[in-house]
Amino acid sequence: YEIETQEELVERLKTEGFSATQATVSRDIRKLSLKKAIGASGR
């Protein structure tokens, strides 16, 4: 998916059965060295 925000990622994780806060996801993003790039939607 073209996930744009940490909040969107938290919601997707919840639908997958993972309980995570925005702060947890923020730490995961840093740990995984994720970056942002322009997606097909231009966002």
All heavy atoms as atom14 arrays in JSON, in Angstrom:
{
  "sequence": "YEIETQEELVERLKTEGFSATQATVSRDIRKLSLKKAIGASGR",
  "atom14_mask": [
    [1, 1, 1, 1, 1, 1, 1, 1, 1, 1, 1, 1, 0, 0],
    [1, 1, 1, 1, 1, 1, 1, 1, 1, 0, 0, 0, 0, 0],
    [1, 1, 1, 1, 1, 1, 1, 1, 0, 0, 0, 0, 0, 0],
    [1, 1, 1, 1, 1, 1, 1, 1, 1, 0, 0, 0, 0, 0],
    [1, 1, 1, 1, 1, 1, 1, 0, 0, 0, 0, 0, 0, 0],
    [1, 1, 1, 1, 1, 1, 1, 1, 1, 0, 0, 0, 0, 0],
    [1, 1, 1, 1, 1, 1, 1, 1, 1, 0, 0, 0, 0, 0],
    [1, 1, 1, 1, 1, 1, 1, 1, 1, 0, 0, 0, 0, 0],
    [1, 1, 1, 1, 1, 1, 1, 1, 0, 0, 0, 0, 0, 0],
    [1, 1, 1, 1, 1, 1, 1, 0, 0, 0, 0, 0, 0, 0],
    [1, 1, 1, 1, 1, 1, 1, 1, 1, 0, 0, 0, 0, 0],
    [1, 1, 1, 1, 1, 1, 1, 1, 1, 1, 1, 0, 0, 0],
    [1, 1, 1, 1, 1, 1, 1, 1, 0, 0, 0, 0, 0, 0],
    [1, 1, 1, 1, 1, 1, 1, 1, 1, 0, 0, 0, 0, 0],
    [1, 1, 1, 1, 1, 1, 1, 0, 0, 0, 0, 0, 0, 0],
    [1, 1, 1, 1, 1, 1, 1, 1, 1, 0, 0, 0, 0, 0],
    [1, 1, 1, 1, 0, 0, 0, 0, 0, 0, 0, 0, 0, 0],
    [1, 1, 1, 1, 1, 1, 1, 1, 1, 1, 1, 0, 0, 0],
    [1, 1, 1, 1, 1, 1, 0, 0, 0, 0, 0, 0, 0, 0],
    [1, 1, 1, 1, 1, 0, 0, 0, 0, 0, 0, 0, 0, 0],
    [1, 1, 1, 1, 1, 1, 1, 0, 0, 0, 0, 0, 0, 0],
    [1, 1, 1, 1, 1, 1, 1, 1, 1, 0, 0, 0, 0, 0],
    [1, 1, 1, 1, 1, 0, 0, 0, 0, 0, 0, 0, 0, 0],
    [1, 1, 1, 1, 1, 1, 1, 0, 0, 0, 0, 0, 0, 0],
    [1, 1, 1, 1, 1, 1, 1, 0, 0, 0, 0, 0, 0, 0],
    [1, 1, 1, 1, 1, 1, 0, 0, 0, 0, 0, 0, 0, 0],
    [1, 1, 1, 1, 1, 1, 1, 1, 1, 1, 1, 0, 0, 0],
    [1, 1, 1, 1, 1, 1, 1, 1, 0, 0, 0, 0, 0, 0],
    [1, 1, 1, 1, 1, 1, 1, 1, 0, 0, 0, 0, 0, 0],
    [1, 1, 1, 1, 1, 1, 1, 1, 1, 1, 1, 0, 0, 0],
    [1, 1, 1, 1, 1, 1, 1, 1, 1, 0, 0, 0, 0, 0],
    [1, 1, 1, 1, 1, 1, 1, 1, 0, 0, 0, 0, 0, 0],
    [1, 1, 1, 1, 1, 1, 0, 0, 0, 0, 0, 0, 0, 0],
    [1, 1, 1, 1, 1, 1, 1, 1, 0, 0, 0, 0, 0, 0],
    [1, 1, 1, 1, 1, 1, 1, 1, 1, 0, 0, 0, 0, 0],
    [1, 1, 1, 1, 1, 1, 1, 1, 1, 0, 0, 0, 0, 0],
    [1, 1, 1, 1, 1, 0, 0, 0, 0, 0, 0, 0, 0, 0],
    [1, 1, 1, 1, 1, 1, 1, 1, 0, 0, 0, 0, 0, 0],
    [1, 1, 1, 1, 0, 0, 0, 0, 0, 0, 0, 0, 0, 0],
    [1, 1, 1, 1, 1, 0, 0, 0, 0, 0, 0, 0, 0, 0],
    [1, 1, 1, 1, 1, 1, 0, 0, 0, 0, 0, 0, 0, 0],
    [1, 1, 1, 1, 0, 0, 0, 0, 0, 0, 0, 0, 0, 0],
    [1, 1, 1, 1, 1, 1, 1, 1, 1, 1, 1, 0, 0, 0]
  ],
  "atom14_positions": [
    [[0.83, -1.21, 0.0], [0.0, 0.0, 0.0], [0.86, 1.26, 0.0], [2.0, 1.23, 0.47], [-0.9, 0.04, 1.25], [-1.75, -1.18, 1.42], [-1.4, -2.17, 2.33], [-2.91, -1.36, 0.66], [-2.18, -3.3, 2.5], [-3.69, -2.49, 0.83], [-3.32, -3.46, 1.74], [-4.09, -4.58, 1.9], [0.0, 0.0, 0.0], [0.0, 0.0, 0.0]],
    [[0.3, 2.34, -0.49], [0.98, 3.63, -0.42], [0.61, 4.28, 0.91], [-0.35, 5.04, 1.0], [0.6, 4.51, -1.61], [1.15, 3.97, -2.91], [1.16, 5.01, -4.02], [0.74, 6.16, -3.81], [1.62, 4.64, -5.12], [0.0, 0.0, 0.0], [0.0, 0.0, 0.0], [0.0, 0.0, 0.0], [0.0, 0.0, 0.0], [0.0, 0.0, 0.0]],
    [[1.37, 3.96, 1.94], [1.1, 4.46, 3.28], [1.81, 5.78, 3.46], [3.03, 5.86, 3.35], [1.52, 3.42, 4.34], [0.68, 2.16, 4.14], [1.39, 3.99, 5.74], [1.01, 1.02, 5.04], [0.0, 0.0, 0.0], [0.0, 0.0, 0.0], [0.0, 0.0, 0.0], [0.0, 0.0, 0.0], [0.0, 0.0, 0.0], [0.0, 0.0, 0.0]],
    [[1.03, 6.8, 3.76], [1.56, 8.17, 3.81], [1.94, 8.64, 5.21], [2.82, 9.47, 5.34], [0.53, 9.14, 3.22], [0.18, 8.85, 1.78], [-0.9, 9.77, 1.23], [-1.19, 10.82, 1.86], [-1.48, 9.44, 0.19], [0.0, 0.0, 0.0], [0.0, 0.0, 0.0], [0.0, 0.0, 0.0], [0.0, 0.0, 0.0], [0.0, 0.0, 0.0]],
    [[1.25, 8.13, 6.24], [1.48, 8.65, 7.59], [1.67, 7.51, 8.6], [1.26, 6.37, 8.35], [0.28, 9.5, 8.07], [-0.88, 8.65, 8.19], [-0.01, 10.65, 7.12], [0.0, 0.0, 0.0], [0.0, 0.0, 0.0], [0.0, 0.0, 0.0], [0.0, 0.0, 0.0], [0.0, 0.0, 0.0], [0.0, 0.0, 0.0], [0.0, 0.0, 0.0]],
    [[2.24, 7.87, 9.73], [2.39, 6.9, 10.81], [1.02, 6.47, 11.32], [0.82, 5.29, 11.64], [3.22, 7.52, 11.94], [4.66, 7.73, 11.57], [5.48, 8.37, 12.67], [5.0, 8.57, 13.79], [6.73, 8.68, 12.36], [0.0, 0.0, 0.0], [0.0, 0.0, 0.0], [0.0, 0.0, 0.0], [0.0, 0.0, 0.0], [0.0, 0.0, 0.0]],
    [[0.09, 7.39, 11.38], [-1.26, 7.07, 11.85], [-1.92, 6.04, 10.93], [-2.58, 5.11, 11.4], [-2.12, 8.34, 11.95], [-1.67, 9.31, 13.01], [-0.47, 10.16, 12.61], [-0.09, 10.21, 11.41], [0.13, 10.78, 13.51], [0.0, 0.0, 0.0], [0.0, 0.0, 0.0], [0.0, 0.0, 0.0], [0.0, 0.0, 0.0], [0.0, 0.0, 0.0]],
    [[-1.73, 6.2, 9.63], [-2.28, 5.24, 8.68], [-1.65, 3.86, 8.89], [-2.32, 2.83, 8.83], [-2.05, 5.72, 7.25], [-2.66, 4.82, 6.2], [-2.4, 5.32, 4.78], [-1.91, 6.45, 4.58], [-2.7, 4.53, 3.86], [0.0, 0.0, 0.0], [0.0, 0.0, 0.0], [0.0, 0.0, 0.0], [0.0, 0.0, 0.0], [0.0, 0.0, 0.0]],
    [[-0.37, 3.85, 9.17], [0.33, 2.6, 9.43], [-0.18, 1.94, 10.71], [-0.4, 0.72, 10.75], [1.84, 2.84, 9.5], [2.75, 1.63, 9.49], [2.43, 0.66, 8.37], [4.19, 2.08, 9.39], [0.0, 0.0, 0.0], [0.0, 0.0, 0.0], [0.0, 0.0, 0.0], [0.0, 0.0, 0.0], [0.0, 0.0, 0.0], [0.0, 0.0, 0.0]],
    [[-0.42, 2.73, 11.75], [-0.98, 2.21, 13.0], [-2.34, 1.55, 12.73], [-2.61, 0.45, 13.21], [-1.12, 3.33, 14.06], [-1.98, 2.88, 15.24], [0.24, 3.79, 14.54], [0.0, 0.0, 0.0], [0.0, 0.0, 0.0], [0.0, 0.0, 0.0], [0.0, 0.0, 0.0], [0.0, 0.0, 0.0], [0.0, 0.0, 0.0], [0.0, 0.0, 0.0]],
    [[-3.18, 2.21, 11.93], [-4.51, 1.66, 11.61], [-4.41, 0.37, 10.81], [-5.14, -0.59, 11.08], [-5.35, 2.7, 10.85], [-5.79, 3.86, 11.71], [-6.57, 3.41, 12.95], [-7.48, 2.56, 12.83], [-6.24, 3.9, 14.05], [0.0, 0.0, 0.0], [0.0, 0.0, 0.0], [0.0, 0.0, 0.0], [0.0, 0.0, 0.0], [0.0, 0.0, 0.0]],
    [[-3.52, 0.33, 9.84], [-3.34, -0.9, 9.04], [-2.85, -2.04, 9.93], [-3.29, -3.18, 9.78], [-2.36, -0.67, 7.9], [-2.9, 0.27, 6.86], [-2.9, -0.42, 5.53], [-3.32, 0.53, 4.5], [-4.29, 0.27, 3.65], [-4.91, -0.88, 3.67], [-4.62, 1.17, 2.74], [0.0, 0.0, 0.0], [0.0, 0.0, 0.0], [0.0, 0.0, 0.0]],
    [[-1.93, -1.74, 10.85], [-1.44, -2.76, 11.77], [-2.57, -3.28, 12.67], [-2.66, -4.48, 12.93], [-0.29, -2.22, 12.63], [1.05, -2.06, 11.93], [2.02, -1.25, 12.78], [1.65, -3.42, 11.57], [0.0, 0.0, 0.0], [0.0, 0.0, 0.0], [0.0, 0.0, 0.0], [0.0, 0.0, 0.0], [0.0, 0.0, 0.0], [0.0, 0.0, 0.0]],
    [[-3.44, -2.38, 13.12], [-4.57, -2.79, 13.96], [-5.48, -3.75, 13.21], [-5.93, -4.75, 13.78], [-5.37, -1.57, 14.44], [-4.71, -0.84, 15.58], [-5.55, 0.31, 16.08], [-4.79, 1.08, 17.14], [-5.5, 2.27, 17.59], [0.0, 0.0, 0.0], [0.0, 0.0, 0.0], [0.0, 0.0, 0.0], [0.0, 0.0, 0.0], [0.0, 0.0, 0.0]],
    [[-5.73, -3.49, 11.92], [-6.58, -4.4, 11.15], [-5.9, -5.75, 10.94], [-6.58, -6.74, 10.68], [-6.96, -3.81, 9.77], [-5.78, -3.62, 9.0], [-7.7, -2.5, 9.92], [0.0, 0.0, 0.0], [0.0, 0.0, 0.0], [0.0, 0.0, 0.0], [0.0, 0.0, 0.0], [0.0, 0.0, 0.0], [0.0, 0.0, 0.0], [0.0, 0.0, 0.0]],
    [[-4.58, -5.78, 11.1], [-3.82, -7.03, 10.96], [-3.64, -7.74, 12.3], [-2.98, -8.77, 12.37], [-2.43, -6.72, 10.38], [-2.44, -6.07, 9.02], [-2.7, -7.08, 7.91], [-2.33, -8.25, 8.07], [-3.28, -6.67, 6.9], [0.0, 0.0, 0.0], [0.0, 0.0, 0.0], [0.0, 0.0, 0.0], [0.0, 0.0, 0.0], [0.0, 0.0, 0.0]],
    [[-4.2, -7.14, 13.37], [-4.12, -7.77, 14.68], [-2.94, -7.35, 15.53], [-2.67, -7.96, 16.57], [0.0, 0.0, 0.0], [0.0, 0.0, 0.0], [0.0, 0.0, 0.0], [0.0, 0.0, 0.0], [0.0, 0.0, 0.0], [0.0, 0.0, 0.0], [0.0, 0.0, 0.0], [0.0, 0.0, 0.0], [0.0, 0.0, 0.0], [0.0, 0.0, 0.0]],
    [[-2.23, -6.3, 15.12], [-1.1, -5.79, 15.89], [-1.53, -4.56, 16.67], [-2.11, -3.64, 16.11], [0.07, -5.4, 14.97], [0.74, -6.56, 14.3], [0.33, -6.96, 13.04], [1.76, -7.25, 14.92], [0.94, -8.03, 12.41], [2.37, -8.32, 14.3], [1.96, -8.71, 13.05], [0.0, 0.0, 0.0], [0.0, 0.0, 0.0], [0.0, 0.0, 0.0]],
    [[-1.24, -4.56, 17.96], [-1.52, -3.4, 18.79], [-0.25, -2.56, 18.87], [0.76, -2.99, 19.41], [-1.94, -3.85, 20.19], [-2.16, -2.73, 21.0], [0.0, 0.0, 0.0], [0.0, 0.0, 0.0], [0.0, 0.0, 0.0], [0.0, 0.0, 0.0], [0.0, 0.0, 0.0], [0.0, 0.0, 0.0], [0.0, 0.0, 0.0], [0.0, 0.0, 0.0]],
    [[-0.3, -1.36, 18.28], [0.88, -0.5, 18.27], [0.44, 0.96, 18.35], [-0.55, 1.35, 17.74], [1.7, -0.73, 17.01], [0.0, 0.0, 0.0], [0.0, 0.0, 0.0], [0.0, 0.0, 0.0], [0.0, 0.0, 0.0], [0.0, 0.0, 0.0], [0.0, 0.0, 0.0], [0.0, 0.0, 0.0], [0.0, 0.0, 0.0], [0.0, 0.0, 0.0]],
    [[1.2, 1.73, 19.09], [0.92, 3.16, 19.18], [1.72, 3.89, 18.09], [2.62, 3.32, 17.47], [1.35, 3.71, 20.56], [2.77, 3.58, 20.67], [0.65, 2.97, 21.69], [0.0, 0.0, 0.0], [0.0, 0.0, 0.0], [0.0, 0.0, 0.0], [0.0, 0.0, 0.0], [0.0, 0.0, 0.0], [0.0, 0.0, 0.0], [0.0, 0.0, 0.0]],
    [[1.4, 5.15, 17.92], [2.14, 5.96, 16.96], [3.61, 6.04, 17.36], [4.5, 5.98, 16.51], [1.5, 7.35, 16.85], [2.14, 8.27, 15.84], [3.3, 9.08, 16.4], [3.33, 9.41, 17.57], [4.27, 9.37, 15.56], [0.0, 0.0, 0.0], [0.0, 0.0, 0.0], [0.0, 0.0, 0.0], [0.0, 0.0, 0.0], [0.0, 0.0, 0.0]],
    [[3.89, 6.13, 18.65], [5.27, 6.21, 19.12], [6.04, 4.91, 18.8], [7.2, 4.95, 18.39], [5.31, 6.47, 20.62], [0.0, 0.0, 0.0], [0.0, 0.0, 0.0], [0.0, 0.0, 0.0], [0.0, 0.0, 0.0], [0.0, 0.0, 0.0], [0.0, 0.0, 0.0], [0.0, 0.0, 0.0], [0.0, 0.0, 0.0], [0.0, 0.0, 0.0]],
    [[5.37, 3.78, 18.97], [5.98, 2.49, 18.64], [6.29, 2.41, 17.16], [7.39, 1.99, 16.75], [5.06, 1.33, 19.05], [4.84, 1.39, 20.47], [5.66, -0.02, 18.7], [0.0, 0.0, 0.0], [0.0, 0.0, 0.0], [0.0, 0.0, 0.0], [0.0, 0.0, 0.0], [0.0, 0.0, 0.0], [0.0, 0.0, 0.0], [0.0, 0.0, 0.0]],
    [[5.32, 2.82, 16.34], [5.51, 2.79, 14.89], [6.63, 3.74, 14.49], [7.44, 3.43, 13.61], [4.19, 3.12, 14.16], [4.42, 3.4, 12.68], [3.2, 1.98, 14.34], [0.0, 0.0, 0.0], [0.0, 0.0, 0.0], [0.0, 0.0, 0.0], [0.0, 0.0, 0.0], [0.0, 0.0, 0.0], [0.0, 0.0, 0.0], [0.0, 0.0, 0.0]],
    [[6.73, 4.87, 15.15], [7.8, 5.83, 14.88], [9.17, 5.18, 15.14], [10.1, 5.32, 14.34], [7.63, 7.07, 15.75], [8.67, 7.98, 15.52], [0.0, 0.0, 0.0], [0.0, 0.0, 0.0], [0.0, 0.0, 0.0], [0.0, 0.0, 0.0], [0.0, 0.0, 0.0], [0.0, 0.0, 0.0], [0.0, 0.0, 0.0], [0.0, 0.0, 0.0]],
    [[9.29, 4.45, 16.25], [10.54, 3.75, 16.55], [10.82, 2.66, 15.52], [11.96, 2.48, 15.08], [10.5, 3.15, 17.96], [10.67, 4.19, 19.06], [10.85, 3.54, 20.42], [9.67, 2.8, 20.86], [8.64, 3.34, 21.51], [8.65, 4.63, 21.8], [7.62, 2.6, 21.86], [0.0, 0.0, 0.0], [0.0, 0.0, 0.0], [0.0, 0.0, 0.0]],
    [[9.77, 1.95, 15.12], [9.94, 0.91, 14.09], [10.43, 1.51, 12.78], [11.3, 0.95, 12.12], [8.62, 0.16, 13.85], [8.23, -0.76, 15.0], [9.12, -1.13, 15.81], [7.04, -1.1, 15.09], [0.0, 0.0, 0.0], [0.0, 0.0, 0.0], [0.0, 0.0, 0.0], [0.0, 0.0, 0.0], [0.0, 0.0, 0.0], [0.0, 0.0, 0.0]],
    [[9.88, 2.64, 12.41], [10.28, 3.32, 11.17], [11.76, 3.68, 11.22], [12.49, 3.47, 10.25], [9.39, 4.56, 10.91], [7.99, 4.11, 10.5], [10.02, 5.48, 9.86], [6.96, 5.23, 10.46], [0.0, 0.0, 0.0], [0.0, 0.0, 0.0], [0.0, 0.0, 0.0], [0.0, 0.0, 0.0], [0.0, 0.0, 0.0], [0.0, 0.0, 0.0]],
    [[12.21, 4.19, 12.35], [13.63, 4.51, 12.51], [14.48, 3.24, 12.45], [15.51, 3.21, 11.78], [13.88, 5.25, 13.83], [13.67, 6.75, 13.73], [14.25, 7.5, 14.91], [13.83, 7.0, 16.21], [12.68, 7.3, 16.81], [11.84, 8.13, 16.23], [12.38, 6.8, 17.99], [0.0, 0.0, 0.0], [0.0, 0.0, 0.0], [0.0, 0.0, 0.0]],
    [[14.06, 2.2, 13.16], [14.81, 0.95, 13.21], [14.93, 0.32, 11.82], [15.97, -0.22, 11.46], [14.12, -0.03, 14.17], [14.67, -1.42, 14.16], [15.95, -1.51, 14.93], [16.34, -2.99, 15.04], [17.73, -3.2, 15.09], [0.0, 0.0, 0.0], [0.0, 0.0, 0.0], [0.0, 0.0, 0.0], [0.0, 0.0, 0.0], [0.0, 0.0, 0.0]],
    [[13.85, 0.41, 11.02], [13.84, -0.18, 9.68], [14.45, 0.75, 8.63], [14.54, 0.39, 7.47], [12.4, -0.53, 9.29], [11.73, -1.61, 10.13], [10.23, -1.67, 9.84], [12.39, -2.95, 9.88], [0.0, 0.0, 0.0], [0.0, 0.0, 0.0], [0.0, 0.0, 0.0], [0.0, 0.0, 0.0], [0.0, 0.0, 0.0], [0.0, 0.0, 0.0]],
    [[14.84, 1.95, 9.05], [15.43, 2.97, 8.15], [14.51, 3.3, 6.98], [14.96, 3.5, 5.85], [16.79, 2.5, 7.61], [17.67, 2.24, 8.66], [0.0, 0.0, 0.0], [0.0, 0.0, 0.0], [0.0, 0.0, 0.0], [0.0, 0.0, 0.0], [0.0, 0.0, 0.0], [0.0, 0.0, 0.0], [0.0, 0.0, 0.0], [0.0, 0.0, 0.0]],
    [[13.2, 3.37, 7.25], [12.26, 3.7, 6.2], [12.39, 5.16, 5.81], [12.73, 6.01, 6.63], [10.82, 3.41, 6.65], [10.51, 1.98, 7.05], [9.04, 1.85, 7.41], [10.89, 1.01, 5.95], [0.0, 0.0, 0.0], [0.0, 0.0, 0.0], [0.0, 0.0, 0.0], [0.0, 0.0, 0.0], [0.0, 0.0, 0.0], [0.0, 0.0, 0.0]],
    [[12.15, 5.43, 4.57], [12.21, 6.79, 4.03], [10.88, 7.11, 3.37], [10.02, 6.24, 3.23], [13.34, 6.9, 2.98], [14.7, 6.48, 3.47], [15.25, 7.44, 4.49], [16.62, 6.98, 4.96], [16.93, 7.39, 6.28], [0.0, 0.0, 0.0], [0.0, 0.0, 0.0], [0.0, 0.0, 0.0], [0.0, 0.0, 0.0], [0.0, 0.0, 0.0]],
    [[10.72, 8.33, 2.95], [9.53, 8.72, 2.19], [9.95, 9.03, 0.77], [11.0, 9.6, 0.52], [8.84, 9.92, 2.82], [8.02, 9.56, 4.04], [6.86, 10.49, 4.2], [5.93, 9.97, 5.28], [4.82, 10.88, 5.47], [0.0, 0.0, 0.0], [0.0, 0.0, 0.0], [0.0, 0.0, 0.0], [0.0, 0.0, 0.0], [0.0, 0.0, 0.0]],
    [[9.08, 8.62, -0.16], [9.29, 8.89, -1.58], [7.92, 9.2, -2.19], [6.89, 8.9, -1.59], [9.92, 7.7, -2.27], [0.0, 0.0, 0.0], [0.0, 0.0, 0.0], [0.0, 0.0, 0.0], [0.0, 0.0, 0.0], [0.0, 0.0, 0.0], [0.0, 0.0, 0.0], [0.0, 0.0, 0.0], [0.0, 0.0, 0.0], [0.0, 0.0, 0.0]],
    [[7.94, 9.77, -3.35], [6.69, 10.09, -4.03], [6.12, 8.81, -4.64], [6.79, 8.11, -5.39], [6.91, 11.15, -5.14], [7.49, 12.43, -4.52], [5.61, 11.45, -5.88], [6.63, 13.08, -3.47], [0.0, 0.0, 0.0], [0.0, 0.0, 0.0], [0.0, 0.0, 0.0], [0.0, 0.0, 0.0], [0.0, 0.0, 0.0], [0.0, 0.0, 0.0]],
    [[4.86, 8.51, -4.29], [4.19, 7.33, -4.8], [3.52, 7.59, -6.13], [3.59, 8.69, -6.69], [0.0, 0.0, 0.0], [0.0, 0.0, 0.0], [0.0, 0.0, 0.0], [0.0, 0.0, 0.0], [0.0, 0.0, 0.0], [0.0, 0.0, 0.0], [0.0, 0.0, 0.0], [0.0, 0.0, 0.0], [0.0, 0.0, 0.0], [0.0, 0.0, 0.0]],
    [[2.83, 6.57, -6.64], [2.13, 6.67, -7.93], [1.05, 7.75, -7.9], [0.73, 8.36, -8.91], [1.52, 5.32, -8.3], [0.0, 0.0, 0.0], [0.0, 0.0, 0.0], [0.0, 0.0, 0.0], [0.0, 0.0, 0.0], [0.0, 0.0, 0.0], [0.0, 0.0, 0.0], [0.0, 0.0, 0.0], [0.0, 0.0, 0.0], [0.0, 0.0, 0.0]],
    [[0.52, 8.0, -6.7], [-0.53, 9.01, -6.56], [0.03, 10.44, -6.56], [-0.73, 11.4, -6.56], [-1.29, 8.78, -5.25], [-0.42, 9.0, -4.14], [0.0, 0.0, 0.0], [0.0, 0.0, 0.0], [0.0, 0.0, 0.0], [0.0, 0.0, 0.0], [0.0, 0.0, 0.0], [0.0, 0.0, 0.0], [0.0, 0.0, 0.0], [0.0, 0.0, 0.0]],
    [[1.36, 10.56, -6.53], [1.99, 11.87, -6.47], [2.15, 12.37, -5.05], [2.63, 13.48, -4.82], [0.0, 0.0, 0.0], [0.0, 0.0, 0.0], [0.0, 0.0, 0.0], [0.0, 0.0, 0.0], [0.0, 0.0, 0.0], [0.0, 0.0, 0.0], [0.0, 0.0, 0.0], [0.0, 0.0, 0.0], [0.0, 0.0, 0.0], [0.0, 0.0, 0.0]],
    [[1.77, 11.56, -4.08], [1.87, 11.93, -2.67], [2.99, 11.13, -2.02], [3.33, 10.05, -2.48], [0.54, 11.67, -1.97], [-0.59, 12.51, -2.59], [-1.93, 12.13, -2.0], [-1.95, 12.29, -0.56], [-2.52, 13.3, 0.08], [-3.15, 14.22, -0.61], [-2.5, 13.37, 1.39], [0.0, 0.0, 0.0], [0.0, 0.0, 0.0], [0.0, 0.0, 0.0]]
  ]
}
